Amino acid sequence: MNRYYVNRNAQPNGDHEVHTTGCSHPAAEHNRVSLGLHAHCRHAVAESRKHYSKTNGCLYCCPACHTG
């Protein structure tokens, strides 16, 4: 299981990116909303939608959930 968080700051396209701790392209600590532990990034993305309707997995740490 990995610990996930979502970036409070949206990307230029409006997506709030979901990351794992240890990501090579992390959000600043003060811009993170913890999503807890999840077995797969799709569960973390679903959890992040409780905070932000437009979310996406990070290309680098959650490529299985990155939609482009």
PDB file of N, CA and C in Angstrom:
ATOM      1  N   MET A   1       0.849  -1.189   0.000  1.00  0.00           N
ATOM      2  CA  MET A   1       0.000   0.000   0.000  1.00  0.00           C
ATOM      3  C   MET A   1       0.884   1.238   0.000  1.00  0.00           C
ATOM      4  N   ASN A   2       0.444   2.214  -0.713  1.00  0.00           N
ATOM      5  CA  ASN A   2       1.154   3.493  -0.788  1.00  0.00           C
ATOM      6  C   ASN A   2       0.332   4.587  -0.127  1.00  0.00           C
ATOM      7  N   ARG A   3       1.036   5.599   0.361  1.00  0.00           N
ATOM      8  CA  ARG A   3       0.384   6.791   0.909  1.00  0.00           C
ATOM      9  C   ARG A   3       0.265   7.804  -0.224  1.00  0.00           C
ATOM     10  N   TYR A   4      -0.936   8.338  -0.390  1.00  0.00           N
ATOM     11  CA  TYR A   4      -1.228   9.265  -1.481  1.00  0.00           C
ATOM     12  C   TYR A   4      -1.661  10.622  -0.947  1.00  0.00           C
ATOM     13  N   TYR A   5      -1.506  11.628  -1.796  1.00  0.00           N
ATOM     14  CA  TYR A   5      -2.025  12.965  -1.510  1.00  0.00           C
ATOM     15  C   TYR A   5      -2.398  13.618  -2.826  1.00  0.00           C
ATOM     16  N   VAL A   6      -3.208  14.642  -2.754  1.00  0.00           N
ATOM     17  CA  VAL A   6      -3.592  15.414  -3.938  1.00  0.00           C
ATOM     18  C   VAL A   6      -3.080  16.841  -3.777  1.00  0.00           C
ATOM     19  N   ASN A   7      -2.636  17.406  -4.865  1.00  0.00           N
ATOM     20  CA  ASN A   7      -2.130  18.768  -4.884  1.00  0.00           C
ATOM     21  C   ASN A   7      -3.302  19.747  -4.825  1.00  0.00           C
ATOM     22  N   ARG A   8      -3.272  20.679  -3.881  1.00  0.00           N
ATOM     23  CA  ARG A   8      -4.317  21.704  -3.765  1.00  0.00           C
ATOM     24  C   ARG A   8      -4.334  22.640  -4.982  1.00  0.00           C
ATOM     25  N   ASN A   9      -3.176  22.821  -5.589  1.00  0.00           N
ATOM     26  CA  ASN A   9      -3.059  23.711  -6.753  1.00  0.00           C
ATOM     27  C   ASN A   9      -3.349  22.922  -8.022  1.00  0.00           C
ATOM     28  N   ALA A  10      -4.242  23.431  -8.820  1.00  0.00           N
ATOM     29  CA  ALA A  10      -4.581  22.773 -10.075  1.00  0.00           C
ATOM     30  C   ALA A  10      -3.518  23.031 -11.137  1.00  0.00           C
ATOM     31  N   GLN A  11      -3.403  22.086 -12.049  1.00  0.00           N
ATOM     32  CA  GLN A  11      -2.561  22.246 -13.234  1.00  0.00           C
ATOM     33  C   GLN A  11      -3.237  23.257 -14.169  1.00  0.00           C
ATOM     34  N   PRO A  12      -2.535  23.742 -15.187  1.00  0.00           N
ATOM     35  CA  PRO A  12      -3.153  24.699 -16.116  1.00  0.00           C
ATOM     36  C   PRO A  12      -4.460  24.201 -16.749  1.00  0.00           C
ATOM     37  N   ASN A  13      -4.612  22.875 -16.902  1.00  0.00           N
ATOM     38  CA  ASN A  13      -5.840  22.322 -17.481  1.00  0.00           C
ATOM     39  C   ASN A  13      -6.951  22.123 -16.449  1.00  0.00           C
ATOM     40  N   GLY A  14      -6.686  22.458 -15.188  1.00  0.00           N
ATOM     41  CA  GLY A  14      -7.689  22.340 -14.134  1.00  0.00           C
ATOM     42  C   GLY A  14      -7.601  21.087 -13.294  1.00  0.00           C
ATOM     43  N   ASP A  15      -6.751  20.126 -13.677  1.00  0.00           N
ATOM     44  CA  ASP A  15      -6.596  18.884 -12.912  1.00  0.00           C
ATOM     45  C   ASP A  15      -5.834  19.122 -11.610  1.00  0.00           C
ATOM     46  N   HIS A  16      -6.276  18.445 -10.568  1.00  0.00           N
ATOM     47  CA  HIS A  16      -5.529  18.362  -9.316  1.00  0.00           C
ATOM     48  C   HIS A  16      -4.850  16.998  -9.343  1.00  0.00           C
ATOM     49  N   GLU A  17      -3.527  16.979  -9.303  1.00  0.00           N
ATOM     50  CA  GLU A  17      -2.786  15.733  -9.458  1.00  0.00           C
ATOM     51  C   GLU A  17      -2.665  14.959  -8.160  1.00  0.00           C
ATOM     52  N   VAL A  18      -2.823  13.646  -8.281  1.00  0.00           N
ATOM     53  CA  VAL A  18      -2.638  12.707  -7.179  1.00  0.00           C
ATOM     54  C   VAL A  18      -1.212  12.172  -7.252  1.00  0.00           C
ATOM     55  N   HIS A  19      -0.520  12.179  -6.104  1.00  0.00           N
ATOM     56  CA  HIS A  19       0.866  11.722  -6.006  1.00  0.00           C
ATOM     57  C   HIS A  19       1.017  10.717  -4.872  1.00  0.00           C
ATOM     58  N   THR A  20       2.094   9.947  -4.940  1.00  0.00           N
ATOM     59  CA  THR A  20       2.506   9.126  -3.812  1.00  0.00           C
ATOM     60  C   THR A  20       3.601   9.879  -3.058  1.00  0.00           C
ATOM     61  N   THR A  21       3.791   9.540  -1.795  1.00  0.00           N
ATOM     62  CA  THR A  21       4.936  10.115  -1.086  1.00  0.00           C
ATOM     63  C   THR A  21       6.182   9.548  -1.759  1.00  0.00           C
ATOM     64  N   GLY A  22       7.187  10.348  -1.881  1.00  0.00           N
ATOM     65  CA  GLY A  22       8.409   9.923  -2.546  1.00  0.00           C
ATOM     66  C   GLY A  22       8.409  10.200  -4.042  1.00  0.00           C
ATOM     67  N   CYS A  23       7.393  10.864  -4.546  1.00  0.00           N
ATOM     68  CA  CYS A  23       7.311  11.200  -5.971  1.00  0.00           C
ATOM     69  C   CYS A  23       8.484  12.099  -6.360  1.00  0.00           C
ATOM     70  N   SER A  24       8.977  11.917  -7.586  1.00  0.00           N
ATOM     71  CA  SER A  24      10.076  12.748  -8.062  1.00  0.00           C
ATOM     72  C   SER A  24       9.615  14.152  -8.476  1.00  0.00           C
ATOM     73  N   HIS A  25       8.294  14.366  -8.555  1.00  0.00           N
ATOM     74  CA  HIS A  25       7.728  15.675  -8.914  1.00  0.00           C
ATOM     75  C   HIS A  25       6.630  16.048  -7.904  1.00  0.00           C
ATOM     76  N   PRO A  26       7.004  16.183  -6.632  1.00  0.00           N
ATOM     77  CA  PRO A  26       5.990  16.386  -5.588  1.00  0.00           C
ATOM     78  C   PRO A  26       5.441  17.812  -5.530  1.00  0.00           C
ATOM     79  N   ALA A  27       4.282  17.925  -4.928  1.00  0.00           N
ATOM     80  CA  ALA A  27       3.729  19.233  -4.569  1.00  0.00           C
ATOM     81  C   ALA A  27       4.399  19.673  -3.271  1.00  0.00           C
ATOM     82  N   ALA A  28       4.452  20.966  -3.058  1.00  0.00           N
ATOM     83  CA  ALA A  28       4.997  21.482  -1.795  1.00  0.00           C
ATOM     84  C   ALA A  28       4.152  20.956  -0.632  1.00  0.00           C
ATOM     85  N   GLU A  29       4.781  20.711   0.485  1.00  0.00           N
ATOM     86  CA  GLU A  29       4.094  20.139   1.657  1.00  0.00           C
ATOM     87  C   GLU A  29       2.835  20.917   2.031  1.00  0.00           C
ATOM     88  N   HIS A  30       2.875  22.237   1.958  1.00  0.00           N
ATOM     89  CA  HIS A  30       1.725  23.050   2.356  1.00  0.00           C
ATOM     90  C   HIS A  30       0.607  23.044   1.306  1.00  0.00           C
ATOM     91  N   ASN A  31       0.855  22.433   0.142  1.00  0.00           N
ATOM     92  CA  ASN A  31      -0.156  22.349  -0.913  1.00  0.00           C
ATOM     93  C   ASN A  31      -0.731  20.943  -1.068  1.00  0.00           C
ATOM     94  N   ARG A  32      -0.574  20.107  -0.045  1.00  0.00           N
ATOM     95  CA  ARG A  32      -1.016  18.715  -0.129  1.00  0.00           C
ATOM     96  C   ARG A  32      -2.246  18.454   0.747  1.00  0.00           C
ATOM     97  N   VAL A  33      -3.152  17.625   0.212  1.00  0.00           N
ATOM     98  CA  VAL A  33      -4.269  17.094   0.988  1.00  0.00           C
ATOM     99  C   VAL A  33      -4.047  15.590   1.059  1.00  0.00           C
ATOM    100  N   SER A  34      -3.893  15.061   2.252  1.00  0.00           N
ATOM    101  CA  SER A  34      -3.648  13.637   2.420  1.00  0.00           C
ATOM    102  C   SER A  34      -4.872  12.823   1.999  1.00  0.00           C
ATOM    103  N   LEU A  35      -4.602  11.737   1.277  1.00  0.00           N
ATOM    104  CA  LEU A  35      -5.658  10.821   0.852  1.00  0.00           C
ATOM    105  C   LEU A  35      -5.565   9.478   1.565  1.00  0.00           C
ATOM    106  N   GLY A  36      -4.520   9.302   2.359  1.00  0.00           N
ATOM    107  CA  GLY A  36      -4.355   8.065   3.115  1.00  0.00           C
ATOM    108  C   GLY A  36      -3.662   6.975   2.326  1.00  0.00           C
ATOM    109  N   LEU A  37      -3.744   5.757   2.856  1.00  0.00           N
ATOM    110  CA  LEU A  37      -3.121   4.581   2.252  1.00  0.00           C
ATOM    111  C   LEU A  37      -4.097   3.900   1.311  1.00  0.00           C
ATOM    112  N   HIS A  38      -3.604   3.506   0.144  1.00  0.00           N
ATOM    113  CA  HIS A  38      -4.440   2.831  -0.847  1.00  0.00           C
ATOM    114  C   HIS A  38      -3.625   1.751  -1.551  1.00  0.00           C
ATOM    115  N   ALA A  39      -4.304   0.690  -1.974  1.00  0.00           N
ATOM    116  CA  ALA A  39      -3.655  -0.410  -2.670  1.00  0.00           C
ATOM    117  C   ALA A  39      -3.364  -0.069  -4.131  1.00  0.00           C
ATOM    118  N   HIS A  40      -4.124   0.858  -4.722  1.00  0.00           N
ATOM    119  CA  HIS A  40      -3.927   1.231  -6.125  1.00  0.00           C
ATOM    120  C   HIS A  40      -4.264   2.701  -6.300  1.00  0.00           C
ATOM    121  N   CYS A  41      -3.616   3.322  -7.270  1.00  0.00           N
ATOM    122  CA  CYS A  41      -3.843   4.753  -7.493  1.00  0.00           C
ATOM    123  C   CYS A  41      -5.289   5.062  -7.865  1.00  0.00           C
ATOM    124  N   ARG A  42      -6.008   4.132  -8.479  1.00  0.00           N
ATOM    125  CA  ARG A  42      -7.405   4.424  -8.848  1.00  0.00           C
ATOM    126  C   ARG A  42      -8.266   4.670  -7.614  1.00  0.00           C
ATOM    127  N   HIS A  43      -7.931   4.009  -6.498  1.00  0.00           N
ATOM    128  CA  HIS A  43      -8.656   4.246  -5.244  1.00  0.00           C
ATOM    129  C   HIS A  43      -8.322   5.637  -4.690  1.00  0.00           C
ATOM    130  N   ALA A  44      -7.067   6.025  -4.815  1.00  0.00           N
ATOM    131  CA  ALA A  44      -6.652   7.359  -4.352  1.00  0.00           C
ATOM    132  C   ALA A  44      -7.281   8.449  -5.214  1.00  0.00           C
ATOM    133  N   VAL A  45      -7.367   8.234  -6.517  1.00  0.00           N
ATOM    134  CA  VAL A  45      -8.007   9.216  -7.403  1.00  0.00           C
ATOM    135  C   VAL A  45      -9.483   9.344  -7.043  1.00  0.00           C
ATOM    136  N   ALA A  46     -10.143   8.221  -6.774  1.00  0.00           N
ATOM    137  CA  ALA A  46     -11.554   8.269  -6.358  1.00  0.00           C
ATOM    138  C   ALA A  46     -11.710   9.050  -5.054  1.00  0.00           C
ATOM    139  N   GLU A  47     -10.794   8.841  -4.118  1.00  0.00           N
ATOM    140  CA  GLU A  47     -10.827   9.573  -2.849  1.00  0.00           C
ATOM    141  C   GLU A  47     -10.596  11.068  -3.085  1.00  0.00           C
ATOM    142  N   SER A  48      -9.692  11.406  -3.999  1.00  0.00           N
ATOM    143  CA  SER A  48      -9.391  12.819  -4.255  1.00  0.00           C
ATOM    144  C   SER A  48     -10.589  13.551  -4.850  1.00  0.00           C
ATOM    145  N   ARG A  49     -11.468  12.827  -5.532  1.00  0.00           N
ATOM    146  CA  ARG A  49     -12.651  13.461  -6.125  1.00  0.00           C
ATOM    147  C   ARG A  49     -13.644  13.925  -5.064  1.00  0.00           C
ATOM    148  N   LYS A  50     -13.450  13.504  -3.829  1.00  0.00           N
ATOM    149  CA  LYS A  50     -14.260  14.026  -2.718  1.00  0.00           C
ATOM    150  C   LYS A  50     -13.854  15.468  -2.402  1.00  0.00           C
ATOM    151  N   HIS A  51     -12.629  15.840  -2.796  1.00  0.00           N
ATOM    152  CA  HIS A  51     -12.097  17.186  -2.566  1.00  0.00           C
ATOM    153  C   HIS A  51     -12.162  18.045  -3.827  1.00  0.00           C
ATOM    154  N   TYR A  52     -11.820  17.437  -4.962  1.00  0.00           N
ATOM    155  CA  TYR A  52     -11.744  18.151  -6.239  1.00  0.00           C
ATOM    156  C   TYR A  52     -12.364  17.272  -7.324  1.00  0.00           C
ATOM    157  N   SER A  53     -13.308  17.805  -8.061  1.00  0.00           N
ATOM    158  CA  SER A  53     -14.001  16.996  -9.065  1.00  0.00           C
ATOM    159  C   SER A  53     -13.103  16.620 -10.240  1.00  0.00           C
ATOM    160  N   LYS A  54     -12.137  17.453 -10.553  1.00  0.00           N
ATOM    161  CA  LYS A  54     -11.252  17.173 -11.682  1.00  0.00           C
ATOM    162  C   LYS A  54      -9.878  16.766 -11.158  1.00  0.00           C
ATOM    163  N   THR A  55      -9.599  15.465 -11.198  1.00  0.00           N
ATOM    164  CA  THR A  55      -8.330  14.943 -10.701  1.00  0.00           C
ATOM    165  C   THR A  55      -7.705  14.020 -11.730  1.00  0.00           C
ATOM    166  N   ASN A  56      -6.416  13.771 -11.549  1.00  0.00           N
ATOM    167  CA  ASN A  56      -5.648  12.947 -12.474  1.00  0.00           C
ATOM    168  C   ASN A  56      -4.449  12.401 -11.719  1.00  0.00           C
ATOM    169  N   GLY A  57      -4.005  11.217 -12.082  1.00  0.00           N
ATOM    170  CA  GLY A  57      -2.796  10.661 -11.495  1.00  0.00           C
ATOM    171  C   GLY A  57      -1.564  11.325 -12.067  1.00  0.00           C
ATOM    172  N   CYS A  58      -0.545  11.461 -11.265  1.00  0.00           N
ATOM    173  CA  CYS A  58       0.737  12.021 -11.701  1.00  0.00           C
ATOM    174  C   CYS A  58       1.385  11.101 -12.742  1.00  0.00           C
ATOM    175  N   LEU A  59       1.900  11.690 -13.794  1.00  0.00           N
ATOM    176  CA  LEU A  59       2.571  10.938 -14.854  1.00  0.00           C
ATOM    177  C   LEU A  59       3.746  10.130 -14.319  1.00  0.00           C
ATOM    178  N   TYR A  60       4.430  10.645 -13.305  1.00  0.00           N
ATOM    179  CA  TYR A  60       5.665  10.044 -12.830  1.00  0.00           C
ATOM    180  C   TYR A  60       5.457   8.977 -11.750  1.00  0.00           C
ATOM    181  N   CYS A  61       4.567   9.219 -10.801  1.00  0.00           N
ATOM    182  CA  CYS A  61       4.403   8.251  -9.705  1.00  0.00           C
ATOM    183  C   CYS A  61       3.097   7.460  -9.787  1.00  0.00           C
ATOM    184  N   CYS A  62       2.164   7.887 -10.629  1.00  0.00           N
ATOM    185  CA  CYS A  62       0.872   7.192 -10.791  1.00  0.00           C
ATOM    186  C   CYS A  62       0.532   7.051 -12.277  1.00  0.00           C
ATOM    187  N   PRO A  63       1.457   6.503 -13.082  1.00  0.00           N
ATOM    188  CA  PRO A  63       1.220   6.456 -14.519  1.00  0.00           C
ATOM    189  C   PRO A  63      -0.011   5.631 -14.916  1.00  0.00           C
ATOM    190  N   ALA A  64      -0.386   4.642 -14.118  1.00  0.00           N
ATOM    191  CA  ALA A  64      -1.576   3.834 -14.422  1.00  0.00           C
ATOM    192  C   ALA A  64      -2.858   4.652 -14.311  1.00  0.00           C
ATOM    193  N   CYS A  65      -2.796   5.779 -13.591  1.00  0.00           N
ATOM    194  CA  CYS A  65      -3.969   6.626 -13.391  1.00  0.00           C
ATOM    195  C   CYS A  65      -3.845   7.989 -14.070  1.00  0.00           C
ATOM    196  N   HIS A  66      -2.815   8.144 -14.873  1.00  0.00           N
ATOM    197  CA  HIS A  66      -2.614   9.401 -15.603  1.00  0.00           C
ATOM    198  C   HIS A  66      -3.342   9.313 -16.938  1.00  0.00           C
ATOM    199  N   THR A  67      -4.223  10.272 -17.170  1.00  0.00           N
ATOM    200  CA  THR A  67      -5.039  10.229 -18.394  1.00  0.00           C
ATOM    201  C   THR A  67      -4.584  11.213 -19.457  1.00  0.00           C
ATOM    202  N   GLY A  68      -3.507  11.916 -19.188  1.00  0.00           N
ATOM    203  CA  GLY A  68      -2.952  12.794 -20.205  1.00  0.00           C
ATOM    204  C   GLY A  68      -3.347  14.198 -20.173  1.00  0.00           C
TER     205      GLY A  68
END
